[in-house]
């Protein structure tokens, strides 16, 4: 392995470590999001969403750097552009660096799976909440606003109209 490949491999390891840290923070934020959804704390959800957006933005920058390093390192190791994935690079690198990159690949894969699963669960919770609220609103409308007492021709509306006419005469 050339010194340049070693240098690029070490740089890639640093980027992957940072990427894993961001994904761990995102997983934690998504767990917190679930708790806030269950407790219905919209103000905290807004703040949490800002944090999540920042994490995703930071991750996208790291991902761009990782792709560039992976491309350069793959070329340095004699891999074609299609075969320059992290697994192939880790196999080509000697010793501990190759093992470290393989471990980081596994960690990143597990974290991406966790983000995907939590996102799906939180989405289901949000959709269920929306359906529940819509059902409650429909029930209340049917129960109170379509009932004879509260309808346009109902007793309450007639009393309001009568009071309004008395007030206008005064």
Foldseek 3Di string as FASTA:
>chain_A
DDPVLVVLLVVLLVLLVVLLVLLVVLLVLLVVLLVCLVVVDVVVNVVSVVVNVVSVVVNVVSVVVNLVSLQVSCVVLVHPNVQSDQLSSLVSDDDPSSVSSVVSVVSVVVSVVSSVVSVVVSVVSVVVVVVVVVVVVVVCCVVPAVDQCNDCNHPVVVVVVVVVVVVVVD
